[in-house]
Amino acid sequence: MQLPEDSVLVRIFVGESDRWDHRPLYEAIVLKAREMHLAGATVLRGPMGFGKSSRLHTAKILRLSMDLPVVIEIVDTEEKIRSFLPVLEPMMQGGLVTLEKVKVLHYRAGGTGQAETK
């Protein structure tokens, strides 16, 4: 699968404790993106953050939070991302979803970690 240079990034901000269909929401979103054959998804866990409620979520020892921020990033063509958004909508009880245009420089599977020489 090739990914065009002009693609779209959807960034989804949720809480670590958010759930969908008895599983973590971030996991449900990534599995749905994979099922829909999107180019790729990454989940990032944040050590600190706040959202619309302004409630601080932090991993500091004195203020341990069980609901740390989680960001899911998915890149694909605009058409495929736009078709994913209606599927994502019912999963989102709260959080933030953003879209931005991106330039894809490389999209390839990993190898052995060593560069080929010819």
C-alpha atoms as a PDB file:
ATOM      1  CA  MET A   1       0.000   0.000   0.000  1.00  0.00           C
ATOM      2  CA  GLN A   2       1.306   3.418  -0.946  1.00  0.00           C
ATOM      3  CA  LEU A   3       0.482   6.539   1.011  1.00  0.00           C
ATOM      4  CA  PRO A   4       0.376   9.793  -0.955  1.00  0.00           C
ATOM      5  CA  GLU A   5       2.661  12.620   0.111  1.00  0.00           C
ATOM      6  CA  ASP A   6      -0.373  14.815   0.804  1.00  0.00           C
ATOM      7  CA  SER A   7      -2.220  12.944   3.539  1.00  0.00           C
ATOM      8  CA  VAL A   8      -4.221  13.703   6.675  1.00  0.00           C
ATOM      9  CA  LEU A   9      -3.490  13.126  10.357  1.00  0.00           C
ATOM     10  CA  VAL A  10      -6.361  12.623  12.776  1.00  0.00           C
ATOM     11  CA  ARG A  11      -5.332  13.131  16.390  1.00  0.00           C
ATOM     12  CA  ILE A  12      -7.684  11.834  19.087  1.00  0.00           C
ATOM     13  CA  PHE A  13      -7.304  12.925  22.715  1.00  0.00           C
ATOM     14  CA  VAL A  14      -8.993  10.716  25.312  1.00  0.00           C
ATOM     15  CA  GLY A  15      -8.449   9.519  28.873  1.00  0.00           C
ATOM     16  CA  GLU A  16      -6.712   6.285  29.720  1.00  0.00           C
ATOM     17  CA  SER A  17      -9.773   5.063  31.645  1.00  0.00           C
ATOM     18  CA  ASP A  18     -12.264   5.771  28.812  1.00  0.00           C
ATOM     19  CA  ARG A  19     -13.955   2.579  27.632  1.00  0.00           C
ATOM     20  CA  TRP A  20     -15.826   1.309  24.586  1.00  0.00           C
ATOM     21  CA  ASP A  21     -17.454  -2.105  24.371  1.00  0.00           C
ATOM     22  CA  HIS A  22     -15.726  -3.352  27.573  1.00  0.00           C
ATOM     23  CA  ARG A  23     -12.190  -2.457  26.457  1.00  0.00           C
ATOM     24  CA  PRO A  24      -9.993   0.649  26.640  1.00  0.00           C
ATOM     25  CA  LEU A  25     -11.223   3.246  24.150  1.00  0.00           C
ATOM     26  CA  TYR A  26      -7.762   3.772  22.666  1.00  0.00           C
ATOM     27  CA  GLU A  27      -7.534   0.038  21.955  1.00  0.00           C
ATOM     28  CA  ALA A  28     -11.002  -0.037  20.378  1.00  0.00           C
ATOM     29  CA  ILE A  29     -10.099   2.933  18.136  1.00  0.00           C
ATOM     30  CA  VAL A  30      -6.827   1.375  16.952  1.00  0.00           C
ATOM     31  CA  LEU A  31      -8.471  -1.977  16.262  1.00  0.00           C
ATOM     32  CA  LYS A  32     -11.276  -0.270  14.297  1.00  0.00           C
ATOM     33  CA  ALA A  33      -8.700   1.707  12.283  1.00  0.00           C
ATOM     34  CA  ARG A  34      -6.868  -1.543  11.495  1.00  0.00           C
ATOM     35  CA  GLU A  35     -10.124  -3.269  10.564  1.00  0.00           C
ATOM     36  CA  MET A  36     -10.838  -0.416   8.135  1.00  0.00           C
ATOM     37  CA  HIS A  37      -7.335  -0.831   6.614  1.00  0.00           C
ATOM     38  CA  LEU A  38      -6.059   2.620   7.556  1.00  0.00           C
ATOM     39  CA  ALA A  39      -2.347   3.123   6.984  1.00  0.00           C
ATOM     40  CA  GLY A  40      -1.288   3.122  10.636  1.00  0.00           C
ATOM     41  CA  ALA A  41      -2.064   4.228  14.169  1.00  0.00           C
ATOM     42  CA  THR A  42      -0.002   5.037  17.242  1.00  0.00           C
ATOM     43  CA  VAL A  43      -1.096   5.451  20.852  1.00  0.00           C
ATOM     44  CA  LEU A  44       0.851   7.879  23.030  1.00  0.00           C
ATOM     45  CA  ARG A  45       0.416   8.048  26.808  1.00  0.00           C
ATOM     46  CA  GLY A  46       0.909  11.446  28.381  1.00  0.00           C
ATOM     47  CA  PRO A  47       2.367  12.009  31.841  1.00  0.00           C
ATOM     48  CA  MET A  48       0.222  15.122  32.346  1.00  0.00           C
ATOM     49  CA  GLY A  49      -2.646  17.021  30.776  1.00  0.00           C
ATOM     50  CA  PHE A  50      -6.085  18.582  31.106  1.00  0.00           C
ATOM     51  CA  GLY A  51      -9.098  18.977  28.861  1.00  0.00           C
ATOM     52  CA  LYS A  52     -12.396  20.824  28.708  1.00  0.00           C
ATOM     53  CA  SER A  53     -13.159  20.224  32.397  1.00  0.00           C
ATOM     54  CA  SER A  54      -9.757  21.727  33.366  1.00  0.00           C
ATOM     55  CA  ARG A  55      -9.232  18.762  35.716  1.00  0.00           C
ATOM     56  CA  LEU A  56      -5.513  18.024  35.885  1.00  0.00           C
ATOM     57  CA  HIS A  57      -4.427  14.462  35.117  1.00  0.00           C
ATOM     58  CA  THR A  58      -0.882  13.676  36.191  1.00  0.00           C
ATOM     59  CA  ALA A  59       1.433  10.748  36.865  1.00  0.00           C
ATOM     60  CA  LYS A  60       3.271  12.553  39.687  1.00  0.00           C
ATOM     61  CA  ILE A  61       3.703  10.332  42.727  1.00  0.00           C
ATOM     62  CA  LEU A  62       1.873  12.694  45.103  1.00  0.00           C
ATOM     63  CA  ARG A  63      -1.078  13.143  42.716  1.00  0.00           C
ATOM     64  CA  LEU A  64      -1.312   9.757  41.038  1.00  0.00           C
ATOM     65  CA  SER A  65      -4.012   9.713  38.392  1.00  0.00           C
ATOM     66  CA  MET A  66      -5.641   6.605  37.025  1.00  0.00           C
ATOM     67  CA  ASP A  67      -6.865   8.559  34.010  1.00  0.00           C
ATOM     68  CA  LEU A  68      -3.755   9.822  32.237  1.00  0.00           C
ATOM     69  CA  PRO A  69      -4.074  11.513  28.828  1.00  0.00           C
ATOM     70  CA  VAL A  70      -3.862   9.278  25.771  1.00  0.00           C
ATOM     71  CA  VAL A  71      -3.391  10.489  22.197  1.00  0.00           C
ATOM     72  CA  ILE A  72      -4.127   8.291  19.186  1.00  0.00           C
ATOM     73  CA  GLU A  73      -2.611   9.430  15.900  1.00  0.00           C
ATOM     74  CA  ILE A  74      -3.766   7.966  12.590  1.00  0.00           C
ATOM     75  CA  VAL A  75      -2.438   8.954   9.148  1.00  0.00           C
ATOM     76  CA  ASP A  76      -3.989   8.086   5.808  1.00  0.00           C
ATOM     77  CA  THR A  77      -5.554   9.685   2.761  1.00  0.00           C
ATOM     78  CA  GLU A  78      -8.172  12.352   3.406  1.00  0.00           C
ATOM     79  CA  GLU A  79     -10.850  10.114   1.896  1.00  0.00           C
ATOM     80  CA  LYS A  80     -10.095   7.198   4.227  1.00  0.00           C
ATOM     81  CA  ILE A  81      -9.796   9.414   7.303  1.00  0.00           C
ATOM     82  CA  ARG A  82     -13.113  11.126   6.464  1.00  0.00           C
ATOM     83  CA  SER A  83     -14.769   7.701   6.153  1.00  0.00           C
ATOM     84  CA  PHE A  84     -13.373   6.765   9.583  1.00  0.00           C
ATOM     85  CA  LEU A  85     -14.790   9.824  11.366  1.00  0.00           C
ATOM     86  CA  PRO A  86     -18.465   8.658  11.387  1.00  0.00           C
ATOM     87  CA  VAL A  87     -17.307   5.344  12.894  1.00  0.00           C
ATOM     88  CA  LEU A  88     -15.291   7.205  15.533  1.00  0.00           C
ATOM     89  CA  GLU A  89     -18.106   9.598  16.506  1.00  0.00           C
ATOM     90  CA  PRO A  90     -20.261   7.198  18.577  1.00  0.00           C
ATOM     91  CA  MET A  91     -17.155   5.943  20.409  1.00  0.00           C
ATOM     92  CA  MET A  92     -16.313   9.420  21.721  1.00  0.00           C
ATOM     93  CA  GLN A  93     -18.163  10.328  24.917  1.00  0.00           C
ATOM     94  CA  GLY A  94     -15.655  13.109  25.597  1.00  0.00           C
ATOM     95  CA  GLY A  95     -12.260  14.142  24.365  1.00  0.00           C
ATOM     96  CA  LEU A  96     -10.975  16.054  21.365  1.00  0.00           C
ATOM     97  CA  VAL A  97     -10.506  15.114  17.703  1.00  0.00           C
ATOM     98  CA  THR A  98      -8.368  17.206  15.344  1.00  0.00           C
ATOM     99  CA  LEU A  99      -7.428  16.931  11.677  1.00  0.00           C
ATOM    100  CA  GLU A 100      -4.416  18.359   9.928  1.00  0.00           C
ATOM    101  CA  LYS A 101      -2.817  18.044   6.552  1.00  0.00           C
ATOM    102  CA  VAL A 102       0.572  16.338   6.623  1.00  0.00           C
ATOM    103  CA  LYS A 103       3.367  15.610   4.150  1.00  0.00           C
ATOM    104  CA  VAL A 104       4.332  11.946   4.208  1.00  0.00           C
ATOM    105  CA  LEU A 105       8.056  11.560   3.585  1.00  0.00           C
ATOM    106  CA  HIS A 106       8.406   7.818   4.207  1.00  0.00           C
ATOM    107  CA  TYR A 107       5.911   4.995   4.648  1.00  0.00           C
ATOM    108  CA  ARG A 108       7.527   1.596   4.608  1.00  0.00           C
ATOM    109  CA  ALA A 109       7.768  -1.515   6.719  1.00  0.00           C
ATOM    110  CA  GLY A 110      10.709  -1.926   9.059  1.00  0.00           C
ATOM    111  CA  GLY A 111      13.503  -4.287   8.187  1.00  0.00           C
ATOM    112  CA  THR A 112      16.471  -5.677  10.031  1.00  0.00           C
ATOM    113  CA  GLY A 113      17.589  -2.290  11.287  1.00  0.00           C
ATOM    114  CA  GLN A 114      20.615  -2.286   8.995  1.00  0.00           C
ATOM    115  CA  ALA A 115      20.913  -0.268   5.811  1.00  0.00           C
ATOM    116  CA  GLU A 116      21.376  -2.223   2.616  1.00  0.00           C
ATOM    117  CA  THR A 117      24.612  -1.744   0.720  1.00  0.00           C
ATOM    118  CA  LYS A 118      25.034  -2.442  -2.956  1.00  0.00           C
END
